[in-house]
Structures are given as C-alpha cells and as structure tokens.
Amino acid sequence: MWVSRYLNVNTVVLVLDLCGTFVFALSGAMAGVKHRFDVFGVLVLSFLAANFGGIIRDLLIGAVPPPGIADWRYIAVPVVAGLATFYSAPIIDRLRSSVQIFDAGGLALFAVSGTLKALDFHLGPLTAVVLGTVTGIGGGMARDVLTAEVPAVLRGEVYASAALVGAAVVVVGRVMNVHSAAITITGAVLCFAIRFLAIKRNWQLPVARRHERIEPS
C-alpha cells in the first residue's frame, strides 16, 4: 500500500511537472517571438521558462541531478514547444495576450507540483509552501529577465501570492489527509483563477511610493 501511494504521488508530480513544463515553455517561446529572438534564443527562453523553477527546487531539496537537465522529457518538451511556436509566428502574433494566460497555467501547475514534491521529500509545511512558490515563479522570472523586463513578481502584480495560495491548499489538504487528486486540482484551479482574475481586473499589490522632497526656492 505504501509503495502504491508513493508511486501515485510520483506519477502525479511527473504529470503536473510535464504539463507545467509544456505550458511555461509556450509562454517563454511566445515571449521570444514577441521580442523577435532568433530560433536559438526562442529555444533558450522556452527551456528556461519551463525548467528554471523546477531546477532551483530540486537543487534546494537535494534531488540531484535535477530532472530538468537529466531527464530527456524535460528537454524535449521545451524544444518541441519552442519550435512549434517559432514556426507558427503568424498565429502566435495574434495570440500575444495569451502569454499571460499560459503563464498563469504554468504557475498553477508548478506551484502544486513543487509543493507535492517537497512534501514527498518529508519537508515541513512552511518549507513546502515556499518551494512550491519558488517552483511556480522561477520560470517566469527567468523569462522576464532575459527579455529585459522587470519580473511580474516584483512589480506589484498578484503573481507569487497566487502561487502561495495554491501551495497552501495542497499543504493543508495533505495535513487533513484529503485525497491527493482533490487537493491537487483544487490548489491548481484556485491559483489559476486568482492569477487570471488579477490579469483581467488589473488587481495589484501595494507598491512602494517615492515621496518627492520639495526643495526651498
């Protein structure tokens, strides 16, 4: 029974990771096309957007070498997504606004998969939430930095907070012994919904304001 449960958790994490990898790879490739990168640049952006958060998570929990560089599936998926996006530029050009939607999907999938993996490595609830959030925001941050944009997580957008909510749902559900599939779906849907509504309704977190000092004349 323990082996069956372990395998089920591993399978869920793998499926979520690969789905998140594909979705984030699309968002990275779309951003590369938007900024008129060459094919190599689009593939690099696709790979980093898809795998950076997961690699950071795995290094922090000691899951080395990280699947993001050791498992061919985590390399093949961004390559396929990147090439498909690059050679479908006319279609992608009409879907520029979809970058944020794909990014929201990747954020949700990675937030819950990162949390599940942290819990599977017997880390504490708070640590699992933090690592789930890091997994979710890492790829988007790498993508934004390489396209010379301030990462969304730093400019007042409801981004990391959405990942925190999704990760927290997974942790609370595990503590309460709720079925893994139920807490995974609930956490992912809630994270995506918060991020999606924040995009559509322009929700913002409070940002620091500069107070201009008036010099005496």
N, C-alpha and C. Protein backbone atom coordinates (compact mmCIF):
# COMPACT_ATOMS: atom_id res chain seq x y z
N MET A 1 0.84 -1.21 0.00
CA MET A 1 0.00 0.00 0.00
C MET A 1 0.87 1.26 0.00
N TRP A 2 1.93 1.27 0.83
CA TRP A 2 2.84 2.43 0.87
C TRP A 2 3.51 2.63 -0.46
N VAL A 3 3.93 1.50 -1.08
CA VAL A 3 4.58 1.61 -2.40
C VAL A 3 3.61 2.17 -3.42
N SER A 4 2.34 1.69 -3.37
CA SER A 4 1.34 2.17 -4.32
C SER A 4 1.11 3.67 -4.16
N ARG A 5 1.02 4.12 -2.90
CA ARG A 5 0.79 5.54 -2.66
C ARG A 5 1.99 6.36 -3.12
N TYR A 6 3.20 5.84 -2.88
CA TYR A 6 4.41 6.56 -3.29
C TYR A 6 4.46 6.70 -4.81
N LEU A 7 4.12 5.59 -5.50
CA LEU A 7 4.13 5.63 -6.95
C LEU A 7 3.06 6.59 -7.47
N ASN A 8 1.89 6.61 -6.83
CA ASN A 8 0.83 7.51 -7.27
C ASN A 8 1.24 8.97 -7.13
N VAL A 9 1.87 9.31 -5.99
CA VAL A 9 2.33 10.68 -5.78
C VAL A 9 3.39 11.04 -6.81
N ASN A 10 4.32 10.12 -7.05
CA ASN A 10 5.36 10.37 -8.05
C ASN A 10 4.76 10.57 -9.43
N THR A 11 3.76 9.77 -9.76
CA THR A 11 3.13 9.89 -11.07
C THR A 11 2.41 11.22 -11.20
N VAL A 12 1.71 11.65 -10.15
CA VAL A 12 1.01 12.93 -10.17
C VAL A 12 2.01 14.07 -10.37
N VAL A 13 3.11 14.04 -9.61
CA VAL A 13 4.13 15.09 -9.72
C VAL A 13 4.72 15.12 -11.12
N LEU A 14 5.01 13.94 -11.68
CA LEU A 14 5.59 13.87 -13.02
C LEU A 14 4.65 14.45 -14.06
N VAL A 15 3.37 14.06 -14.01
CA VAL A 15 2.40 14.55 -14.98
C VAL A 15 2.23 16.06 -14.87
N LEU A 16 2.10 16.56 -13.63
CA LEU A 16 1.96 18.00 -13.43
C LEU A 16 3.20 18.75 -13.89
N ASP A 17 4.37 18.18 -13.59
CA ASP A 17 5.63 18.81 -14.00
C ASP A 17 5.72 18.92 -15.51
N LEU A 18 5.38 17.84 -16.22
CA LEU A 18 5.48 17.86 -17.69
C LEU A 18 4.43 18.78 -18.30
N CYS A 19 3.23 18.80 -17.73
CA CYS A 19 2.21 19.73 -18.22
C CYS A 19 2.64 21.17 -17.97
N GLY A 20 3.15 21.44 -16.77
CA GLY A 20 3.64 22.77 -16.46
C GLY A 20 4.83 23.14 -17.33
N THR A 21 5.69 22.17 -17.61
CA THR A 21 6.84 22.40 -18.47
C THR A 21 6.39 22.84 -19.86
N PHE A 22 5.39 22.15 -20.41
CA PHE A 22 4.90 22.48 -21.74
C PHE A 22 4.26 23.87 -21.76
N VAL A 23 3.44 24.16 -20.76
CA VAL A 23 2.72 25.43 -20.74
C VAL A 23 3.69 26.59 -20.55
N PHE A 24 4.64 26.45 -19.62
CA PHE A 24 5.62 27.51 -19.42
C PHE A 24 6.55 27.64 -20.62
N ALA A 25 6.86 26.51 -21.28
CA ALA A 25 7.68 26.56 -22.49
C ALA A 25 6.98 27.38 -23.57
N LEU A 26 5.67 27.22 -23.70
CA LEU A 26 4.91 28.02 -24.66
C LEU A 26 4.99 29.50 -24.31
N SER A 27 4.85 29.82 -23.01
CA SER A 27 4.89 31.23 -22.61
C SER A 27 6.27 31.82 -22.88
N GLY A 28 7.33 31.03 -22.62
CA GLY A 28 8.68 31.51 -22.89
C GLY A 28 8.92 31.70 -24.38
N ALA A 29 8.49 30.73 -25.19
CA ALA A 29 8.67 30.83 -26.63
C ALA A 29 7.87 31.99 -27.21
N MET A 30 6.65 32.20 -26.71
CA MET A 30 5.84 33.32 -27.18
C MET A 30 6.51 34.66 -26.87
N ALA A 31 7.09 34.74 -25.68
CA ALA A 31 7.79 35.97 -25.32
C ALA A 31 8.99 36.18 -26.23
N GLY A 32 9.69 35.09 -26.60
CA GLY A 32 10.82 35.19 -27.51
C GLY A 32 10.40 35.66 -28.88
N VAL A 33 9.29 35.13 -29.39
CA VAL A 33 8.77 35.57 -30.69
C VAL A 33 8.35 37.03 -30.62
N LYS A 34 7.70 37.41 -29.54
CA LYS A 34 7.25 38.79 -29.36
C LYS A 34 8.43 39.76 -29.42
N HIS A 35 9.56 39.35 -28.84
CA HIS A 35 10.75 40.21 -28.82
C HIS A 35 11.67 39.95 -30.01
N ARG A 36 11.20 39.17 -30.99
CA ARG A 36 11.92 38.91 -32.23
C ARG A 36 13.28 38.25 -32.00
N PHE A 37 13.32 37.25 -31.12
CA PHE A 37 14.53 36.46 -30.91
C PHE A 37 14.72 35.52 -32.11
N ASP A 38 15.97 35.10 -32.34
CA ASP A 38 16.20 34.08 -33.36
C ASP A 38 15.79 32.72 -32.81
N VAL A 39 15.88 31.67 -33.63
CA VAL A 39 15.38 30.35 -33.22
C VAL A 39 16.10 29.83 -31.99
N PHE A 40 17.41 30.09 -31.90
CA PHE A 40 18.16 29.64 -30.72
C PHE A 40 17.68 30.39 -29.48
N GLY A 41 17.47 31.69 -29.62
CA GLY A 41 17.01 32.48 -28.48
C GLY A 41 15.64 32.04 -28.02
N VAL A 42 14.75 31.71 -28.95
CA VAL A 42 13.42 31.24 -28.60
C VAL A 42 13.51 29.92 -27.84
N LEU A 43 14.39 29.01 -28.29
CA LEU A 43 14.54 27.72 -27.62
C LEU A 43 15.14 27.88 -26.22
N VAL A 44 16.11 28.78 -26.08
CA VAL A 44 16.70 29.04 -24.76
C VAL A 44 15.64 29.59 -23.81
N LEU A 45 14.87 30.54 -24.30
CA LEU A 45 13.83 31.13 -23.46
C LEU A 45 12.75 30.10 -23.11
N SER A 46 12.44 29.25 -24.07
CA SER A 46 11.45 28.19 -23.84
C SER A 46 11.94 27.23 -22.76
N PHE A 47 13.21 26.83 -22.85
CA PHE A 47 13.77 25.89 -21.88
C PHE A 47 13.83 26.49 -20.49
N LEU A 48 14.34 27.71 -20.38
CA LEU A 48 14.49 28.32 -19.05
C LEU A 48 13.13 28.62 -18.41
N ALA A 49 12.19 29.11 -19.20
CA ALA A 49 10.86 29.38 -18.65
C ALA A 49 10.22 28.09 -18.14
N ALA A 50 10.51 26.99 -18.83
CA ALA A 50 9.89 25.71 -18.47
C ALA A 50 10.57 25.03 -17.29
N ASN A 51 11.88 25.18 -17.16
CA ASN A 51 12.62 24.34 -16.22
C ASN A 51 13.33 25.06 -15.08
N PHE A 52 13.46 26.37 -15.16
CA PHE A 52 14.28 27.07 -14.17
C PHE A 52 13.74 26.90 -12.75
N GLY A 53 12.43 27.08 -12.57
CA GLY A 53 11.85 26.95 -11.24
C GLY A 53 12.02 25.55 -10.68
N GLY A 54 11.79 24.54 -11.52
CA GLY A 54 11.94 23.15 -11.07
C GLY A 54 13.37 22.80 -10.73
N ILE A 55 14.32 23.33 -11.50
CA ILE A 55 15.73 23.06 -11.22
C ILE A 55 16.13 23.65 -9.87
N ILE A 56 15.71 24.90 -9.63
CA ILE A 56 16.01 25.53 -8.34
C ILE A 56 15.42 24.72 -7.20
N ARG A 57 14.16 24.30 -7.34
CA ARG A 57 13.50 23.48 -6.31
C ARG A 57 14.29 22.21 -6.04
N ASP A 58 14.66 21.49 -7.09
CA ASP A 58 15.34 20.21 -6.93
C ASP A 58 16.72 20.38 -6.29
N LEU A 59 17.42 21.45 -6.65
CA LEU A 59 18.72 21.71 -6.02
C LEU A 59 18.56 21.99 -4.53
N LEU A 60 17.50 22.71 -4.16
CA LEU A 60 17.27 23.06 -2.76
C LEU A 60 16.89 21.85 -1.92
N ILE A 61 16.17 20.89 -2.51
CA ILE A 61 15.76 19.72 -1.72
C ILE A 61 16.72 18.55 -1.89
N GLY A 62 17.76 18.72 -2.71
CA GLY A 62 18.76 17.67 -2.87
C GLY A 62 18.38 16.59 -3.86
N ALA A 63 17.43 16.88 -4.74
CA ALA A 63 17.04 15.91 -5.78
C ALA A 63 17.94 16.12 -6.98
N VAL A 64 19.17 15.61 -6.90
CA VAL A 64 20.17 15.85 -7.93
C VAL A 64 20.56 14.53 -8.61
N PRO A 65 20.92 14.62 -9.93
CA PRO A 65 20.79 15.81 -10.78
C PRO A 65 19.33 16.12 -11.04
N PRO A 66 18.99 17.42 -11.16
CA PRO A 66 17.59 17.79 -11.38
C PRO A 66 17.05 17.17 -12.67
N PRO A 67 15.81 16.67 -12.66
CA PRO A 67 15.22 16.13 -13.88
C PRO A 67 15.22 17.14 -15.03
N GLY A 68 15.20 18.43 -14.71
CA GLY A 68 15.19 19.46 -15.75
C GLY A 68 16.38 19.39 -16.67
N ILE A 69 17.49 18.80 -16.22
CA ILE A 69 18.66 18.64 -17.08
C ILE A 69 19.06 17.18 -17.24
N ALA A 70 18.46 16.29 -16.46
CA ALA A 70 18.86 14.87 -16.52
C ALA A 70 17.84 13.99 -17.23
N ASP A 71 16.59 14.44 -17.31
CA ASP A 71 15.52 13.64 -17.93
C ASP A 71 15.23 14.21 -19.31
N TRP A 72 15.36 13.40 -20.34
CA TRP A 72 15.20 13.87 -21.72
C TRP A 72 13.82 14.48 -21.97
N ARG A 73 12.82 14.05 -21.21
CA ARG A 73 11.47 14.59 -21.43
C ARG A 73 11.39 16.07 -21.10
N TYR A 74 12.14 16.51 -20.07
CA TYR A 74 12.11 17.91 -19.69
C TYR A 74 12.89 18.79 -20.66
N ILE A 75 13.69 18.17 -21.50
CA ILE A 75 14.41 18.89 -22.55
C ILE A 75 13.63 18.86 -23.85
N ALA A 76 13.06 17.69 -24.17
CA ALA A 76 12.31 17.53 -25.42
C ALA A 76 11.06 18.39 -25.46
N VAL A 77 10.35 18.47 -24.34
CA VAL A 77 9.10 19.23 -24.32
C VAL A 77 9.32 20.71 -24.65
N PRO A 78 10.28 21.41 -24.00
CA PRO A 78 10.51 22.81 -24.38
C PRO A 78 10.99 22.98 -25.82
N VAL A 79 11.78 22.02 -26.32
CA VAL A 79 12.26 22.11 -27.70
C VAL A 79 11.08 22.03 -28.67
N VAL A 80 10.19 21.06 -28.44
CA VAL A 80 9.02 20.92 -29.30
C VAL A 80 8.13 22.16 -29.22
N ALA A 81 7.87 22.64 -28.00
CA ALA A 81 7.04 23.83 -27.82
C ALA A 81 7.68 25.05 -28.47
N GLY A 82 9.01 25.18 -28.30
CA GLY A 82 9.72 26.33 -28.86
C GLY A 82 9.71 26.33 -30.38
N LEU A 83 9.98 25.17 -30.99
CA LEU A 83 9.98 25.09 -32.46
C LEU A 83 8.58 25.32 -33.02
N ALA A 84 7.58 24.72 -32.38
CA ALA A 84 6.20 24.90 -32.85
C ALA A 84 5.80 26.36 -32.80
N THR A 85 6.20 27.04 -31.73
CA THR A 85 5.87 28.45 -31.59
C THR A 85 6.63 29.30 -32.61
N PHE A 86 7.92 29.01 -32.78
CA PHE A 86 8.76 29.80 -33.70
C PHE A 86 8.24 29.71 -35.12
N TYR A 87 7.86 28.52 -35.55
CA TYR A 87 7.43 28.34 -36.94
C TYR A 87 5.93 28.57 -37.13
N SER A 88 5.28 29.01 -36.07
CA SER A 88 3.87 29.40 -36.19
C SER A 88 3.72 30.86 -35.82
N ALA A 89 4.73 31.65 -36.17
CA ALA A 89 4.78 33.05 -35.77
C ALA A 89 3.53 33.84 -36.14
N PRO A 90 2.95 33.69 -37.35
CA PRO A 90 1.75 34.46 -37.68
C PRO A 90 0.59 34.19 -36.71
N ILE A 91 0.46 32.92 -36.33
CA ILE A 91 -0.61 32.57 -35.38
C ILE A 91 -0.30 33.13 -34.00
N ILE A 92 0.97 32.96 -33.61
CA ILE A 92 1.38 33.43 -32.29
C ILE A 92 1.23 34.94 -32.18
N ASP A 93 1.49 35.64 -33.28
CA ASP A 93 1.40 37.10 -33.26
C ASP A 93 -0.01 37.56 -32.91
N ARG A 94 -1.00 36.76 -33.30
CA ARG A 94 -2.39 37.10 -32.97
C ARG A 94 -2.77 36.68 -31.57
N LEU A 95 -1.88 35.93 -30.92
CA LEU A 95 -2.17 35.41 -29.58
C LEU A 95 -1.21 35.98 -28.53
N ARG A 96 -0.70 37.18 -28.77
CA ARG A 96 0.29 37.74 -27.84
C ARG A 96 -0.26 37.85 -26.42
N SER A 97 -1.53 38.19 -26.32
CA SER A 97 -2.12 38.32 -24.99
C SER A 97 -2.21 36.97 -24.28
N SER A 98 -2.06 35.87 -25.05
CA SER A 98 -2.15 34.54 -24.45
C SER A 98 -0.93 34.19 -23.61
N VAL A 99 0.16 34.95 -23.77
CA VAL A 99 1.36 34.66 -22.98
C VAL A 99 1.03 34.65 -21.50
N GLN A 100 0.28 35.64 -21.05
CA GLN A 100 -0.06 35.73 -19.63
C GLN A 100 -0.98 34.58 -19.20
N ILE A 101 -1.87 34.15 -20.10
CA ILE A 101 -2.77 33.05 -19.76
C ILE A 101 -1.99 31.74 -19.62
N PHE A 102 -1.10 31.48 -20.58
CA PHE A 102 -0.25 30.29 -20.48
C PHE A 102 0.63 30.36 -19.23
N ASP A 103 1.12 31.57 -18.95
CA ASP A 103 1.95 31.76 -17.77
C ASP A 103 1.16 31.44 -16.50
N ALA A 104 -0.10 31.85 -16.46
CA ALA A 104 -0.95 31.56 -15.30
C ALA A 104 -1.16 30.06 -15.14
N GLY A 105 -1.33 29.36 -16.27
CA GLY A 105 -1.47 27.90 -16.21
C GLY A 105 -0.22 27.22 -15.71
N GLY A 106 0.94 27.67 -16.21
CA GLY A 106 2.21 27.10 -15.75
C GLY A 106 2.45 27.39 -14.28
N LEU A 107 2.10 28.60 -13.85
CA LEU A 107 2.25 28.98 -12.44
C LEU A 107 1.46 28.03 -11.56
N ALA A 108 0.21 27.76 -11.94
CA ALA A 108 -0.65 26.90 -11.13
C ALA A 108 -0.13 25.47 -11.07
N LEU A 109 0.24 24.93 -12.22
CA LEU A 109 0.71 23.54 -12.27
C LEU A 109 2.01 23.36 -11.50
N PHE A 110 2.93 24.30 -11.67
CA PHE A 110 4.22 24.17 -10.99
C PHE A 110 4.10 24.43 -9.50
N ALA A 111 3.22 25.33 -9.09
CA ALA A 111 3.06 25.61 -7.66
C ALA A 111 2.62 24.35 -6.92
N VAL A 112 1.64 23.63 -7.48
CA VAL A 112 1.15 22.43 -6.79
C VAL A 112 2.13 21.27 -6.92
N SER A 113 2.77 21.12 -8.09
CA SER A 113 3.71 20.00 -8.25
C SER A 113 4.94 20.21 -7.38
N GLY A 114 5.41 21.47 -7.28
CA GLY A 114 6.56 21.75 -6.42
C GLY A 114 6.26 21.48 -4.96
N THR A 115 5.04 21.83 -4.54
CA THR A 115 4.64 21.57 -3.16
C THR A 115 4.54 20.08 -2.88
N LEU A 116 3.93 19.33 -3.80
CA LEU A 116 3.81 17.89 -3.64
C LEU A 116 5.18 17.22 -3.55
N LYS A 117 6.11 17.66 -4.38
CA LYS A 117 7.44 17.05 -4.36
C LYS A 117 8.16 17.36 -3.05
N ALA A 118 8.01 18.60 -2.56
CA ALA A 118 8.62 18.97 -1.29
C ALA A 118 8.06 18.13 -0.16
N LEU A 119 6.74 17.93 -0.15
CA LEU A 119 6.12 17.09 0.87
C LEU A 119 6.56 15.64 0.74
N ASP A 120 6.74 15.20 -0.49
CA ASP A 120 7.20 13.83 -0.73
C ASP A 120 8.61 13.61 -0.19
N PHE A 121 9.39 14.70 -0.10
CA PHE A 121 10.74 14.62 0.47
C PHE A 121 10.71 14.89 1.98
N HIS A 122 9.52 14.83 2.57
CA HIS A 122 9.31 14.94 4.02
C HIS A 122 9.77 16.28 4.58
N LEU A 123 9.59 17.33 3.81
CA LEU A 123 9.87 18.67 4.31
C LEU A 123 8.65 19.22 5.03
N GLY A 124 8.87 20.21 5.89
CA GLY A 124 7.79 20.77 6.68
C GLY A 124 6.79 21.54 5.85
N PRO A 125 5.60 21.80 6.39
CA PRO A 125 4.54 22.51 5.65
C PRO A 125 4.98 23.87 5.11
N LEU A 126 5.62 24.69 5.96
CA LEU A 126 6.03 26.02 5.53
C LEU A 126 7.08 25.93 4.42
N THR A 127 8.04 25.03 4.59
CA THR A 127 9.07 24.86 3.56
C THR A 127 8.46 24.40 2.25
N ALA A 128 7.46 23.51 2.34
CA ALA A 128 6.81 23.01 1.13
C ALA A 128 6.09 24.14 0.40
N VAL A 129 5.43 25.03 1.14
CA VAL A 129 4.76 26.17 0.51
C VAL A 129 5.76 27.08 -0.19
N VAL A 130 6.88 27.35 0.49
CA VAL A 130 7.91 28.21 -0.09
C VAL A 130 8.47 27.60 -1.37
N LEU A 131 8.78 26.30 -1.33
CA LEU A 131 9.35 25.64 -2.51
C LEU A 131 8.34 25.53 -3.64
N GLY A 132 7.07 25.33 -3.29
CA GLY A 132 6.04 25.33 -4.33
C GLY A 132 5.96 26.68 -5.02
N THR A 133 6.05 27.73 -4.23
CA THR A 133 6.01 29.08 -4.79
C THR A 133 7.22 29.35 -5.67
N VAL A 134 8.40 28.95 -5.19
CA VAL A 134 9.63 29.13 -5.97
C VAL A 134 9.54 28.38 -7.30
N THR A 135 9.01 27.16 -7.25
CA THR A 135 8.84 26.38 -8.48
C THR A 135 7.93 27.11 -9.46
N GLY A 136 6.87 27.73 -8.93
CA GLY A 136 5.92 28.40 -9.79
C GLY A 136 6.44 29.69 -10.41
N ILE A 137 7.18 30.48 -9.64
CA ILE A 137 7.59 31.80 -10.13
C ILE A 137 8.95 31.80 -10.82
N GLY A 138 9.74 30.75 -10.62
CA GLY A 138 11.12 30.75 -11.13
C GLY A 138 11.22 30.89 -12.64
N GLY A 139 10.42 30.10 -13.37
CA GLY A 139 10.49 30.16 -14.83
C GLY A 139 10.06 31.50 -15.39
N GLY A 140 8.99 32.06 -14.84
CA GLY A 140 8.54 33.37 -15.30
C GLY A 140 9.56 34.46 -15.03
N MET A 141 10.23 34.39 -13.89
CA MET A 141 11.26 35.37 -13.58
C MET A 141 12.42 35.28 -14.56
N ALA A 142 12.86 34.05 -14.86
CA ALA A 142 13.96 33.87 -15.81
C ALA A 142 13.58 34.40 -17.19
N ARG A 143 12.35 34.12 -17.62
CA ARG A 143 11.87 34.61 -18.91
C ARG A 143 11.87 36.13 -18.97
N ASP A 144 11.34 36.76 -17.92
CA ASP A 144 11.25 38.22 -17.91
C ASP A 144 12.63 38.87 -17.88
N VAL A 145 13.55 38.31 -17.10
CA VAL A 145 14.90 38.88 -17.02
C VAL A 145 15.58 38.82 -18.38
N LEU A 146 15.45 37.70 -19.09
CA LEU A 146 16.11 37.55 -20.39
C LEU A 146 15.47 38.40 -21.48
N THR A 147 14.24 38.84 -21.27
CA THR A 147 13.61 39.74 -22.24
C THR A 147 13.66 41.19 -21.76
N ALA A 148 14.54 41.45 -20.77
CA ALA A 148 14.79 42.80 -20.26
C ALA A 148 13.53 43.44 -19.69
N GLU A 149 12.71 42.64 -19.03
CA GLU A 149 11.52 43.15 -18.35
C GLU A 149 11.65 42.92 -16.85
N VAL A 150 11.05 43.81 -16.08
CA VAL A 150 11.01 43.60 -14.63
C VAL A 150 10.10 42.42 -14.37
N PRO A 151 10.57 41.38 -13.65
CA PRO A 151 9.70 40.22 -13.39
C PRO A 151 8.37 40.61 -12.79
N ALA A 152 7.31 39.95 -13.24
CA ALA A 152 5.96 40.27 -12.78
C ALA A 152 5.85 40.18 -11.27
N VAL A 153 6.61 39.26 -10.67
CA VAL A 153 6.52 39.05 -9.23
C VAL A 153 7.04 40.25 -8.44
N LEU A 154 7.78 41.15 -9.11
CA LEU A 154 8.38 42.29 -8.41
C LEU A 154 7.69 43.62 -8.70
N ARG A 155 6.71 43.61 -9.58
CA ARG A 155 6.13 44.90 -9.96
C ARG A 155 4.67 45.07 -9.53
N GLY A 156 4.32 44.45 -8.43
CA GLY A 156 3.01 44.69 -7.84
C GLY A 156 1.91 43.78 -8.33
N GLU A 157 2.20 42.89 -9.28
CA GLU A 157 1.15 42.02 -9.80
C GLU A 157 0.85 40.89 -8.81
N VAL A 158 -0.39 40.40 -8.83
CA VAL A 158 -0.79 39.27 -8.00
C VAL A 158 -0.25 38.02 -8.69
N TYR A 159 0.94 37.60 -8.31
CA TYR A 159 1.64 36.52 -9.00
C TYR A 159 2.13 35.48 -8.00
N ALA A 160 3.14 35.87 -7.21
CA ALA A 160 3.64 34.95 -6.19
C ALA A 160 2.55 34.64 -5.16
N SER A 161 1.71 35.62 -4.86
CA SER A 161 0.66 35.40 -3.87
C SER A 161 -0.33 34.34 -4.36
N ALA A 162 -0.59 34.29 -5.68
CA ALA A 162 -1.47 33.25 -6.22
C ALA A 162 -0.83 31.87 -6.05
N ALA A 163 0.48 31.80 -6.30
CA ALA A 163 1.19 30.53 -6.10
C ALA A 163 1.19 30.12 -4.64
N LEU A 164 1.33 31.09 -3.75
CA LEU A 164 1.30 30.80 -2.32
C LEU A 164 -0.03 30.19 -1.90
N VAL A 165 -1.11 30.73 -2.44
CA VAL A 165 -2.44 30.20 -2.10
C VAL A 165 -2.58 28.76 -2.59
N GLY A 166 -2.18 28.52 -3.85
CA GLY A 166 -2.27 27.16 -4.39
C GLY A 166 -1.44 26.17 -3.60
N ALA A 167 -0.21 26.58 -3.26
CA ALA A 167 0.67 25.71 -2.49
C ALA A 167 0.11 25.45 -1.09
N ALA A 168 -0.46 26.49 -0.47
CA ALA A 168 -1.01 26.34 0.87
C ALA A 168 -2.20 25.38 0.88
N VAL A 169 -3.00 25.41 -0.16
CA VAL A 169 -4.15 24.49 -0.25
C VAL A 169 -3.66 23.04 -0.27
N VAL A 170 -2.60 22.80 -1.04
CA VAL A 170 -2.04 21.44 -1.12
C VAL A 170 -1.54 20.98 0.25
N VAL A 171 -0.82 21.86 0.94
CA VAL A 171 -0.27 21.52 2.26
C VAL A 171 -1.39 21.25 3.27
N VAL A 172 -2.38 22.13 3.31
CA VAL A 172 -3.48 21.95 4.25
C VAL A 172 -4.23 20.66 3.94
N GLY A 173 -4.45 20.39 2.67
CA GLY A 173 -5.12 19.15 2.29
C GLY A 173 -4.35 17.91 2.69
N ARG A 174 -3.02 17.96 2.54
CA ARG A 174 -2.20 16.82 2.94
C ARG A 174 -2.26 16.61 4.46
N VAL A 175 -2.19 17.71 5.21
CA VAL A 175 -2.26 17.61 6.67
C VAL A 175 -3.60 17.01 7.11
N MET A 176 -4.67 17.33 6.37
CA MET A 176 -6.00 16.84 6.72
C MET A 176 -6.31 15.49 6.07
N ASN A 177 -5.29 14.92 5.40
CA ASN A 177 -5.43 13.60 4.75
C ASN A 177 -6.51 13.57 3.66
N VAL A 178 -6.67 14.68 2.95
CA VAL A 178 -7.57 14.73 1.80
C VAL A 178 -6.89 14.03 0.63
N HIS A 179 -7.66 13.39 -0.22
CA HIS A 179 -7.10 12.66 -1.36
C HIS A 179 -6.23 13.58 -2.21
N SER A 180 -5.07 13.07 -2.63
CA SER A 180 -4.09 13.87 -3.37
C SER A 180 -4.68 14.51 -4.62
N ALA A 181 -5.49 13.76 -5.37
CA ALA A 181 -6.06 14.30 -6.61
C ALA A 181 -6.95 15.51 -6.32
N ALA A 182 -7.73 15.42 -5.25
CA ALA A 182 -8.66 16.51 -4.91
C ALA A 182 -7.91 17.78 -4.52
N ILE A 183 -6.90 17.64 -3.67
CA ILE A 183 -6.17 18.84 -3.24
C ILE A 183 -5.32 19.40 -4.38
N THR A 184 -4.83 18.53 -5.25
CA THR A 184 -4.03 18.99 -6.39
C THR A 184 -4.88 19.82 -7.34
N ILE A 185 -6.04 19.30 -7.69
CA ILE A 185 -6.93 20.02 -8.60
C ILE A 185 -7.41 21.32 -7.97
N THR A 186 -7.79 21.26 -6.70
CA THR A 186 -8.29 22.46 -6.02
C THR A 186 -7.21 23.54 -5.94
N GLY A 187 -6.00 23.14 -5.56
CA GLY A 187 -4.90 24.10 -5.46
C GLY A 187 -4.56 24.73 -6.79
N ALA A 188 -4.50 23.90 -7.85
CA ALA A 188 -4.15 24.41 -9.17
C ALA A 188 -5.24 25.34 -9.71
N VAL A 189 -6.50 24.94 -9.57
CA VAL A 189 -7.61 25.76 -10.08
C VAL A 189 -7.67 27.09 -9.34
N LEU A 190 -7.49 27.06 -8.03
CA LEU A 190 -7.55 28.29 -7.24
C LEU A 190 -6.41 29.23 -7.61
N CYS A 191 -5.21 28.69 -7.76
CA CYS A 191 -4.06 29.51 -8.14
C CYS A 191 -4.30 30.14 -9.51
N PHE A 192 -4.76 29.33 -10.48
CA PHE A 192 -5.00 29.86 -11.82
C PHE A 192 -6.10 30.91 -11.80
N ALA A 193 -7.16 30.65 -11.05
CA ALA A 193 -8.28 31.59 -11.01
C ALA A 193 -7.85 32.94 -10.44
N ILE A 194 -7.06 32.91 -9.37
CA ILE A 194 -6.60 34.17 -8.76
C ILE A 194 -5.75 34.95 -9.74
N ARG A 195 -4.81 34.25 -10.40
CA ARG A 195 -3.92 34.92 -11.35
C ARG A 195 -4.70 35.43 -12.56
N PHE A 196 -5.64 34.63 -13.06
CA PHE A 196 -6.42 35.01 -14.22
C PHE A 196 -7.28 36.24 -13.92
N LEU A 197 -7.95 36.23 -12.77
CA LEU A 197 -8.78 37.38 -12.39
C LEU A 197 -7.93 38.63 -12.17
N ALA A 198 -6.72 38.42 -11.63
CA ALA A 198 -5.83 39.56 -11.41
C ALA A 198 -5.44 40.20 -12.74
N ILE A 199 -5.23 39.37 -13.77
CA ILE A 199 -4.90 39.89 -15.09
C ILE A 199 -6.09 40.64 -15.69
N LYS A 200 -7.26 40.02 -15.62
CA LYS A 200 -8.44 40.60 -16.25
C LYS A 200 -8.92 41.86 -15.54
N ARG A 201 -8.80 41.88 -14.22
CA ARG A 201 -9.33 43.01 -13.46
C ARG A 201 -8.24 43.96 -12.96
N ASN A 202 -7.01 43.67 -13.39
CA ASN A 202 -5.88 44.54 -13.06
C ASN A 202 -5.69 44.71 -11.55
N TRP A 203 -5.83 43.60 -10.83
CA TRP A 203 -5.55 43.64 -9.40
C TRP A 203 -4.06 43.86 -9.17
N GLN A 204 -3.74 44.68 -8.21
CA GLN A 204 -2.34 45.00 -7.91
C GLN A 204 -2.10 44.95 -6.41
N LEU A 205 -0.90 44.53 -6.03
CA LEU A 205 -0.49 44.62 -4.64
C LEU A 205 0.03 46.03 -4.37
N PRO A 206 0.03 46.46 -3.13
CA PRO A 206 0.58 47.80 -2.82
C PRO A 206 2.05 47.87 -3.22
N VAL A 207 2.44 48.98 -3.80
CA VAL A 207 3.84 49.17 -4.20
C VAL A 207 4.42 50.36 -3.47
N ALA A 208 5.74 50.37 -3.36
CA ALA A 208 6.42 51.47 -2.66
C ALA A 208 6.25 52.76 -3.45
N ARG A 209 6.03 53.83 -2.74
CA ARG A 209 5.87 55.13 -3.38
C ARG A 209 7.01 56.05 -2.96
N ARG A 210 7.50 56.77 -3.93
CA ARG A 210 8.56 57.74 -3.65
C ARG A 210 7.92 59.07 -3.25
N HIS A 211 8.44 59.65 -2.21
CA HIS A 211 7.97 60.96 -1.78
C HIS A 211 8.98 62.01 -2.23
N GLU A 212 8.54 62.80 -3.19
CA GLU A 212 9.44 63.83 -3.70
C GLU A 212 9.65 64.91 -2.65
N ARG A 213 10.92 65.22 -2.43
CA ARG A 213 11.23 66.27 -1.46
C ARG A 213 11.23 67.61 -2.15
N ILE A 214 10.46 68.52 -1.59
CA ILE A 214 10.37 69.86 -2.20
C ILE A 214 11.51 70.71 -1.70
N GLU A 215 12.34 71.14 -2.63
CA GLU A 215 13.49 71.97 -2.25
C GLU A 215 13.02 73.42 -2.07
N PRO A 216 13.54 74.09 -1.04
CA PRO A 216 13.17 75.51 -0.85
C PRO A 216 13.69 76.36 -2.01
N SER A 217 12.89 77.30 -2.44
CA SER A 217 13.29 78.15 -3.56
C SER A 217 14.19 79.27 -3.08
